[in-house]
PDB file of all heavy atoms in Angstrom:
ATOM      1  N   SER A   1     107.466 108.594 114.781  1.00  0.00           N
ATOM      2  CA  SER A   1     108.186 109.124 113.624  1.00  0.00           C
ATOM      3  C   SER A   1     108.853 110.450 113.990  1.00  0.00           C
ATOM      4  O   SER A   1     108.452 111.108 114.950  1.00  0.00           O
ATOM      5  CB  SER A   1     107.228 109.352 112.452  1.00  0.00           C
ATOM      6  OG  SER A   1     106.695 108.129 112.018  1.00  0.00           O
ATOM      7  N   PRO A   2     109.861 110.857 113.219  1.00  0.00           N
ATOM      8  CA  PRO A   2     110.511 112.151 113.472  1.00  0.00           C
ATOM      9  C   PRO A   2     109.533 113.307 113.288  1.00  0.00           C
ATOM     10  O   PRO A   2     108.522 113.182 112.592  1.00  0.00           O
ATOM     11  CB  PRO A   2     111.614 112.223 112.412  1.00  0.00           C
ATOM     12  CG  PRO A   2     111.801 110.827 111.925  1.00  0.00           C
ATOM     13  CD  PRO A   2     110.490 110.123 112.124  1.00  0.00           C
ATOM     14  N   LEU A   3     109.862 114.427 113.913  1.00  0.00           N
ATOM     15  CA  LEU A   3     109.058 115.643 113.805  1.00  0.00           C
ATOM     16  C   LEU A   3     109.841 116.695 113.039  1.00  0.00           C
ATOM     17  O   LEU A   3     111.068 116.745 113.118  1.00  0.00           O
ATOM     18  CB  LEU A   3     108.715 116.178 115.200  1.00  0.00           C
ATOM     19  CG  LEU A   3     107.888 115.262 116.091  1.00  0.00           C
ATOM     20  CD1 LEU A   3     107.848 115.788 117.517  1.00  0.00           C
ATOM     21  CD2 LEU A   3     106.481 115.117 115.543  1.00  0.00           C
ATOM     22  N   GLU A   4     109.123 117.534 112.290  1.00  0.00           N
ATOM     23  CA  GLU A   4     109.778 118.650 111.605  1.00  0.00           C
ATOM     24  C   GLU A   4     109.142 119.956 112.069  1.00  0.00           C
ATOM     25  O   GLU A   4     107.973 119.994 112.469  1.00  0.00           O
ATOM     26  CB  GLU A   4     109.699 118.508 110.087  1.00  0.00           C
ATOM     27  CG  GLU A   4     108.319 118.523 109.512  1.00  0.00           C
ATOM     28  CD  GLU A   4     108.312 118.307 108.009  1.00  0.00           C
ATOM     29  OE1 GLU A   4     109.279 117.762 107.460  1.00  0.00           O
ATOM     30  OE2 GLU A   4     107.317 118.706 107.392  1.00  0.00           O
ATOM     31  N   VAL A   5     109.931 121.020 112.021  1.00  0.00           N
ATOM     32  CA  VAL A   5     109.494 122.325 112.511  1.00  0.00           C
ATOM     33  C   VAL A   5     108.664 123.044 111.458  1.00  0.00           C
ATOM     34  O   VAL A   5     109.039 123.084 110.283  1.00  0.00           O
ATOM     35  CB  VAL A   5     110.718 123.187 112.886  1.00  0.00           C
ATOM     36  CG1 VAL A   5     110.292 124.588 113.300  1.00  0.00           C
ATOM     37  CG2 VAL A   5     111.520 122.528 113.994  1.00  0.00           C
ATOM     38  N   ASP A   6     107.542 123.605 111.891  1.00  0.00           N
ATOM     39  CA  ASP A   6     106.744 124.516 111.066  1.00  0.00           C
ATOM     40  C   ASP A   6     106.742 125.850 111.814  1.00  0.00           C
ATOM     41  O   ASP A   6     105.908 126.088 112.690  1.00  0.00           O
ATOM     42  CB  ASP A   6     105.324 123.986 110.883  1.00  0.00           C
ATOM     43  CG  ASP A   6     104.461 124.883 110.010  1.00  0.00           C
ATOM     44  OD1 ASP A   6     104.876 126.020 109.710  1.00  0.00           O
ATOM     45  OD2 ASP A   6     103.356 124.456 109.635  1.00  0.00           O
ATOM     46  N   ASP A   7     107.736 126.694 111.485  1.00  0.00           N
ATOM     47  CA  ASP A   7     107.894 127.976 112.179  1.00  0.00           C
ATOM     48  C   ASP A   7     106.678 128.866 112.021  1.00  0.00           C
ATOM     49  O   ASP A   7     106.268 129.550 112.959  1.00  0.00           O
ATOM     50  CB  ASP A   7     109.140 128.717 111.669  1.00  0.00           C
ATOM     51  CG  ASP A   7     110.423 128.192 112.302  1.00  0.00           C
ATOM     52  OD1 ASP A   7     110.410 127.927 113.515  1.00  0.00           O
ATOM     53  OD2 ASP A   7     111.418 128.050 111.573  1.00  0.00           O
ATOM     54  N   GLU A   8     106.091 128.868 110.833  1.00  0.00           N
ATOM     55  CA  GLU A   8     104.956 129.740 110.547  1.00  0.00           C
ATOM     56  C   GLU A   8     103.775 129.452 111.479  1.00  0.00           C
ATOM     57  O   GLU A   8     103.106 130.352 111.970  1.00  0.00           O
ATOM     58  CB  GLU A   8     104.536 129.588 109.090  1.00  0.00           C
ATOM     59  CG  GLU A   8     103.549 130.629 108.622  1.00  0.00           C
ATOM     60  CD  GLU A   8     103.293 130.505 107.133  1.00  0.00           C
ATOM     61  OE1 GLU A   8     104.257 130.636 106.363  1.00  0.00           O
ATOM     62  OE2 GLU A   8     102.128 130.272 106.770  1.00  0.00           O
ATOM     63  N   ALA A   9     103.514 128.170 111.724  1.00  0.00           N
ATOM     64  CA  ALA A   9     102.386 127.773 112.571  1.00  0.00           C
ATOM     65  C   ALA A   9     102.798 127.540 114.024  1.00  0.00           C
ATOM     66  O   ALA A   9     101.946 127.225 114.854  1.00  0.00           O
ATOM     67  CB  ALA A   9     101.739 126.512 112.012  1.00  0.00           C
ATOM     68  N   SER A  10     104.089 127.662 114.328  1.00  0.00           N
ATOM     69  CA  SER A  10     104.619 127.361 115.676  1.00  0.00           C
ATOM     70  C   SER A  10     104.208 125.962 116.111  1.00  0.00           C
ATOM     71  O   SER A  10     103.626 125.753 117.177  1.00  0.00           O
ATOM     72  CB  SER A  10     104.148 128.396 116.696  1.00  0.00           C
ATOM     73  OG  SER A  10     104.714 129.633 116.416  1.00  0.00           O
ATOM     74  N   GLU A  11     104.533 124.999 115.246  1.00  0.00           N
ATOM     75  CA  GLU A  11     104.181 123.600 115.511  1.00  0.00           C
ATOM     76  C   GLU A  11     105.328 122.682 115.133  1.00  0.00           C
ATOM     77  O   GLU A  11     106.180 123.030 114.323  1.00  0.00           O
ATOM     78  CB  GLU A  11     102.963 123.187 114.683  1.00  0.00           C
ATOM     79  CG  GLU A  11     101.689 123.898 115.045  1.00  0.00           C
ATOM     80  CD  GLU A  11     100.528 123.525 114.137  1.00  0.00           C
ATOM     81  OE1 GLU A  11     100.745 123.219 112.944  1.00  0.00           O
ATOM     82  OE2 GLU A  11      99.391 123.541 114.638  1.00  0.00           O
ATOM     83  N   LEU A  12     105.307 121.504 115.718  1.00  0.00           N
ATOM     84  CA  LEU A  12     106.155 120.402 115.284  1.00  0.00           C
ATOM     85  C   LEU A  12     105.225 119.405 114.614  1.00  0.00           C
ATOM     86  O   LEU A  12     104.240 118.965 115.208  1.00  0.00           O
ATOM     87  CB  LEU A  12     106.871 119.755 116.476  1.00  0.00           C
ATOM     88  CG  LEU A  12     107.896 120.627 117.191  1.00  0.00           C
ATOM     89  CD1 LEU A  12     108.471 119.883 118.397  1.00  0.00           C
ATOM     90  CD2 LEU A  12     109.012 121.026 116.242  1.00  0.00           C
ATOM     91  N   VAL A  13     105.537 119.056 113.370  1.00  0.00           N
ATOM     92  CA  VAL A  13     104.641 118.225 112.573  1.00  0.00           C
ATOM     93  C   VAL A  13     105.265 116.853 112.354  1.00  0.00           C
ATOM     94  O   VAL A  13     106.441 116.733 111.996  1.00  0.00           O
ATOM     95  CB  VAL A  13     104.360 118.906 111.209  1.00  0.00           C
ATOM     96  CG1 VAL A  13     103.401 118.066 110.375  1.00  0.00           C
ATOM     97  CG2 VAL A  13     103.799 120.306 111.424  1.00  0.00           C
ATOM     98  N   CYS A  14     104.480 115.824 112.558  1.00  0.00           N
ATOM     99  CA  CYS A  14     104.915 114.447 112.333  1.00  0.00           C
ATOM    100  C   CYS A  14     105.210 114.243 110.854  1.00  0.00           C
ATOM    101  O   CYS A  14     104.427 114.649 109.992  1.00  0.00           O
ATOM    102  CB  CYS A  14     103.839 113.480 112.809  1.00  0.00           C
ATOM    103  SG  CYS A  14     104.288 111.748 112.553  1.00  0.00           S
ATOM    104  N   THR A  15     106.333 113.592 110.551  1.00  0.00           N
ATOM    105  CA  THR A  15     106.725 113.361 109.163  1.00  0.00           C
ATOM    106  C   THR A  15     106.041 112.146 108.543  1.00  0.00           C
ATOM    107  O   THR A  15     106.112 111.948 107.340  1.00  0.00           O
ATOM    108  CB  THR A  15     108.252 113.187 109.054  1.00  0.00           C
ATOM    109  OG1 THR A  15     108.661 112.110 109.904  1.00  0.00           O
ATOM    110  CG2 THR A  15     108.978 114.457 109.466  1.00  0.00           C
ATOM    111  N   ASN A  16     105.361 111.346 109.350  1.00  0.00           N
ATOM    112  CA  ASN A  16     104.639 110.179 108.850  1.00  0.00           C
ATOM    113  C   ASN A  16     103.348 110.669 108.191  1.00  0.00           C
ATOM    114  O   ASN A  16     102.487 111.245 108.852  1.00  0.00           O
ATOM    115  CB  ASN A  16     104.340 109.229 110.009  1.00  0.00           C
ATOM    116  CG  ASN A  16     103.599 107.987 109.593  1.00  0.00           C
ATOM    117  OD1 ASN A  16     103.032 107.902 108.506  1.00  0.00           O
ATOM    118  ND2 ASN A  16     103.574 107.007 110.473  1.00  0.00           N
ATOM    119  N   THR A  17     103.205 110.427 106.893  1.00  0.00           N
ATOM    120  CA  THR A  17     102.032 110.938 106.166  1.00  0.00           C
ATOM    121  C   THR A  17     100.723 110.324 106.656  1.00  0.00           C
ATOM    122  O   THR A  17      99.674 110.938 106.541  1.00  0.00           O
ATOM    123  CB  THR A  17     102.172 110.705 104.654  1.00  0.00           C
ATOM    124  OG1 THR A  17     102.391 109.312 104.420  1.00  0.00           O
ATOM    125  CG2 THR A  17     103.324 111.510 104.084  1.00  0.00           C
ATOM    126  N   GLU A  18     100.758 109.126 107.209  1.00  0.00           N
ATOM    127  CA  GLU A  18      99.540 108.502 107.723  1.00  0.00           C
ATOM    128  C   GLU A  18      99.118 109.120 109.056  1.00  0.00           C
ATOM    129  O   GLU A  18      97.953 109.094 109.408  1.00  0.00           O
ATOM    130  CB  GLU A  18      99.738 107.004 107.888  1.00  0.00           C
ATOM    131  CG  GLU A  18      99.878 106.276 106.573  1.00  0.00           C
ATOM    132  CD  GLU A  18     100.109 104.789 106.753  1.00  0.00           C
ATOM    133  OE1 GLU A  18      99.950 104.282 107.883  1.00  0.00           O
ATOM    134  OE2 GLU A  18     100.446 104.141 105.761  1.00  0.00           O
ATOM    135  N   CYS A  19     100.062 109.659 109.799  1.00  0.00           N
ATOM    136  CA  CYS A  19      99.770 110.274 111.089  1.00  0.00           C
ATOM    137  C   CYS A  19      99.637 111.786 110.896  1.00  0.00           C
ATOM    138  O   CYS A  19      98.546 112.327 110.995  1.00  0.00           O
ATOM    139  CB  CYS A  19     100.887 109.947 112.080  1.00  0.00           C
ATOM    140  SG  CYS A  19     100.703 110.732 113.694  1.00  0.00           S
ATOM    141  N   GLY A  20     100.748 112.467 110.650  1.00  0.00           N
ATOM    142  CA  GLY A  20     100.751 113.888 110.336  1.00  0.00           C
ATOM    143  C   GLY A  20     100.288 114.828 111.431  1.00  0.00           C
ATOM    144  O   GLY A  20      99.997 115.985 111.171  1.00  0.00           O
ATOM    145  N   LEU A  21     100.206 114.362 112.674  1.00  0.00           N
ATOM    146  CA  LEU A  21      99.750 115.235 113.754  1.00  0.00           C
ATOM    147  C   LEU A  21     100.686 116.435 113.910  1.00  0.00           C
ATOM    148  O   LEU A  21     101.894 116.319 113.732  1.00  0.00           O
ATOM    149  CB  LEU A  21      99.685 114.467 115.076  1.00  0.00           C
ATOM    150  CG  LEU A  21      98.590 113.415 115.184  1.00  0.00           C
ATOM    151  CD1 LEU A  21      98.736 112.627 116.485  1.00  0.00           C
ATOM    152  CD2 LEU A  21      97.220 114.048 115.102  1.00  0.00           C
ATOM    153  N   ALA A  22     100.113 117.582 114.246  1.00  0.00           N
ATOM    154  CA  ALA A  22     100.875 118.811 114.440  1.00  0.00           C
ATOM    155  C   ALA A  22     100.770 119.213 115.910  1.00  0.00           C
ATOM    156  O   ALA A  22      99.674 119.462 116.416  1.00  0.00           O
ATOM    157  CB  ALA A  22     100.342 119.913 113.541  1.00  0.00           C
ATOM    158  N   TYR A  23     101.907 119.246 116.585  1.00  0.00           N
ATOM    159  CA  TYR A  23     101.957 119.546 118.008  1.00  0.00           C
ATOM    160  C   TYR A  23     102.320 121.011 118.221  1.00  0.00           C
ATOM    161  O   TYR A  23     103.275 121.511 117.627  1.00  0.00           O
ATOM    162  CB  TYR A  23     102.996 118.641 118.699  1.00  0.00           C
ATOM    163  CG  TYR A  23     102.651 117.184 118.572  1.00  0.00           C
ATOM    164  CD1 TYR A  23     103.132 116.419 117.508  1.00  0.00           C
ATOM    165  CD2 TYR A  23     101.814 116.570 119.491  1.00  0.00           C
ATOM    166  CE1 TYR A  23     102.787 115.081 117.371  1.00  0.00           C
ATOM    167  CE2 TYR A  23     101.466 115.235 119.367  1.00  0.00           C
ATOM    168  CZ  TYR A  23     101.952 114.495 118.308  1.00  0.00           C
ATOM    169  OH  TYR A  23     101.610 113.182 118.175  1.00  0.00           O
ATOM    170  N   PRO A  24     101.582 121.715 119.073  1.00  0.00           N
ATOM    171  CA  PRO A  24     101.866 123.131 119.295  1.00  0.00           C
ATOM    172  C   PRO A  24     103.177 123.331 120.062  1.00  0.00           C
ATOM    173  O   PRO A  24     103.599 122.465 120.835  1.00  0.00           O
ATOM    174  CB  PRO A  24     100.674 123.603 120.129  1.00  0.00           C
ATOM    175  CG  PRO A  24     100.192 122.387 120.830  1.00  0.00           C
ATOM    176  CD  PRO A  24     100.464 121.244 119.893  1.00  0.00           C
TER     177      PRO A  24
END
């Protein structure tokens, strides 16, 4: 699934609600 930026946490977060993994 696509990833979205979380600047505050310095992570890329999966947009799939079932997955939702956050990559540093």
